Amino acid sequence: MTIVINLDVIMAKRKIRLKTLAQAMNMTEANLSILKNGKAKAVRFSTLDKLCEQLDCQPADILEFQKNDDN
């Protein structure tokens, strides 16, 4: 089971750059980049809340569950 972060997809659809989003969220570009690139181990609800507010989306637009076919 894997959680996939689709932040880059949503950002592309909204035509917003990492720097612009980071500034709007009062967050460093480095921390937002870690999340965008799927390297984050956890996401705070407050961060997810800000992302959804800035990108006008739902949490499910950003986070996606994918089952592994390893049986």
C-alpha atoms as a PDB file:
ATOM      1  CA  MET A   1       0.000   0.000   0.000  1.00  0.00           C
ATOM      2  CA  THR A   2       1.297   3.388  -0.955  1.00  0.00           C
ATOM      3  CA  ILE A   3       0.172   6.952  -0.518  1.00  0.00           C
ATOM      4  CA  VAL A   4       0.996   9.028  -3.588  1.00  0.00           C
ATOM      5  CA  ILE A   5       1.261  12.805  -3.390  1.00  0.00           C
ATOM      6  CA  ASN A   6      -0.133  14.519  -6.478  1.00  0.00           C
ATOM      7  CA  LEU A   7       0.830  18.044  -5.477  1.00  0.00           C
ATOM      8  CA  ASP A   8       2.829  18.584  -8.669  1.00  0.00           C
ATOM      9  CA  VAL A   9      -0.210  17.642 -10.770  1.00  0.00           C
ATOM     10  CA  ILE A  10      -2.523  20.026  -8.906  1.00  0.00           C
ATOM     11  CA  MET A  11       0.056  22.813  -9.102  1.00  0.00           C
ATOM     12  CA  ALA A  12       0.360  22.319 -12.865  1.00  0.00           C
ATOM     13  CA  LYS A  13      -3.434  22.378 -13.294  1.00  0.00           C
ATOM     14  CA  ARG A  14      -3.629  25.607 -11.273  1.00  0.00           C
ATOM     15  CA  LYS A  15      -0.565  27.032 -13.069  1.00  0.00           C
ATOM     16  CA  ILE A  16       1.132  27.951  -9.808  1.00  0.00           C
ATOM     17  CA  ARG A  17       4.855  27.772  -9.195  1.00  0.00           C
ATOM     18  CA  LEU A  18       6.541  26.324  -6.128  1.00  0.00           C
ATOM     19  CA  LYS A  19       7.933  29.697  -5.071  1.00  0.00           C
ATOM     20  CA  THR A  20       4.538  31.396  -5.338  1.00  0.00           C
ATOM     21  CA  LEU A  21       2.761  28.653  -3.388  1.00  0.00           C
ATOM     22  CA  ALA A  22       5.464  28.573  -0.702  1.00  0.00           C
ATOM     23  CA  GLN A  23       5.188  32.327  -0.208  1.00  0.00           C
ATOM     24  CA  ALA A  24       1.386  32.181  -0.022  1.00  0.00           C
ATOM     25  CA  MET A  25       1.608  29.431   2.600  1.00  0.00           C
ATOM     26  CA  ASN A  26       4.418  31.130   4.547  1.00  0.00           C
ATOM     27  CA  MET A  27       6.502  27.978   4.073  1.00  0.00           C
ATOM     28  CA  THR A  28      10.027  27.453   2.777  1.00  0.00           C
ATOM     29  CA  GLU A  29      10.430  26.315  -0.808  1.00  0.00           C
ATOM     30  CA  ALA A  30      12.655  23.475   0.417  1.00  0.00           C
ATOM     31  CA  ASN A  31       9.967  22.041   2.707  1.00  0.00           C
ATOM     32  CA  LEU A  32       7.270  22.361   0.068  1.00  0.00           C
ATOM     33  CA  SER A  33       9.580  20.742  -2.490  1.00  0.00           C
ATOM     34  CA  ILE A  34      10.048  17.716  -0.212  1.00  0.00           C
ATOM     35  CA  LEU A  35       6.296  17.299  -0.120  1.00  0.00           C
ATOM     36  CA  LYS A  36       5.874  17.930  -3.849  1.00  0.00           C
ATOM     37  CA  ASN A  37       8.491  15.338  -4.755  1.00  0.00           C
ATOM     38  CA  GLY A  38       6.959  12.648  -2.545  1.00  0.00           C
ATOM     39  CA  LYS A  39       9.902  12.557  -0.120  1.00  0.00           C
ATOM     40  CA  ALA A  40       7.871  13.571   2.944  1.00  0.00           C
ATOM     41  CA  LYS A  41       7.273  10.966   5.633  1.00  0.00           C
ATOM     42  CA  ALA A  42       4.302  12.837   7.106  1.00  0.00           C
ATOM     43  CA  VAL A  43       1.998  15.766   6.399  1.00  0.00           C
ATOM     44  CA  ARG A  44       0.490  17.936   9.095  1.00  0.00           C
ATOM     45  CA  PHE A  45      -3.220  18.597   8.839  1.00  0.00           C
ATOM     46  CA  SER A  46      -2.479  22.318   9.088  1.00  0.00           C
ATOM     47  CA  THR A  47      -0.226  22.059   6.014  1.00  0.00           C
ATOM     48  CA  LEU A  48      -2.828  20.051   4.130  1.00  0.00           C
ATOM     49  CA  ASP A  49      -5.438  22.638   5.114  1.00  0.00           C
ATOM     50  CA  LYS A  50      -3.299  25.492   3.744  1.00  0.00           C
ATOM     51  CA  LEU A  51      -2.589  23.578   0.538  1.00  0.00           C
ATOM     52  CA  CYS A  52      -6.282  22.938  -0.058  1.00  0.00           C
ATOM     53  CA  GLU A  53      -7.118  26.566   0.657  1.00  0.00           C
ATOM     54  CA  GLN A  54      -4.429  27.954  -1.660  1.00  0.00           C
ATOM     55  CA  LEU A  55      -5.061  25.440  -4.464  1.00  0.00           C
ATOM     56  CA  ASP A  56      -8.861  25.402  -4.087  1.00  0.00           C
ATOM     57  CA  CYS A  57      -8.985  21.621  -3.896  1.00  0.00           C
ATOM     58  CA  GLN A  58      -9.856  18.711  -1.623  1.00  0.00           C
ATOM     59  CA  PRO A  59      -7.319  16.564   0.300  1.00  0.00           C
ATOM     60  CA  ALA A  60      -8.134  13.629  -2.019  1.00  0.00           C
ATOM     61  CA  ASP A  61      -6.920  15.741  -4.944  1.00  0.00           C
ATOM     62  CA  ILE A  62      -3.472  15.860  -3.331  1.00  0.00           C
ATOM     63  CA  LEU A  63      -3.266  12.457  -1.604  1.00  0.00           C
ATOM     64  CA  GLU A  64      -4.019   9.201  -3.405  1.00  0.00           C
ATOM     65  CA  PHE A  65      -3.989   5.639  -2.065  1.00  0.00           C
ATOM     66  CA  GLN A  66      -2.612   2.957  -4.369  1.00  0.00           C
ATOM     67  CA  LYS A  67      -2.620  -0.752  -3.600  1.00  0.00           C
ATOM     68  CA  ASN A  68       0.521  -2.718  -4.374  1.00  0.00           C
ATOM     69  CA  ASP A  69       0.005  -5.811  -6.483  1.00  0.00           C
ATOM     70  CA  ASP A  70       2.669  -7.712  -4.522  1.00  0.00           C
ATOM     71  CA  ASN A  71       0.831 -10.836  -3.325  1.00  0.00           C
END
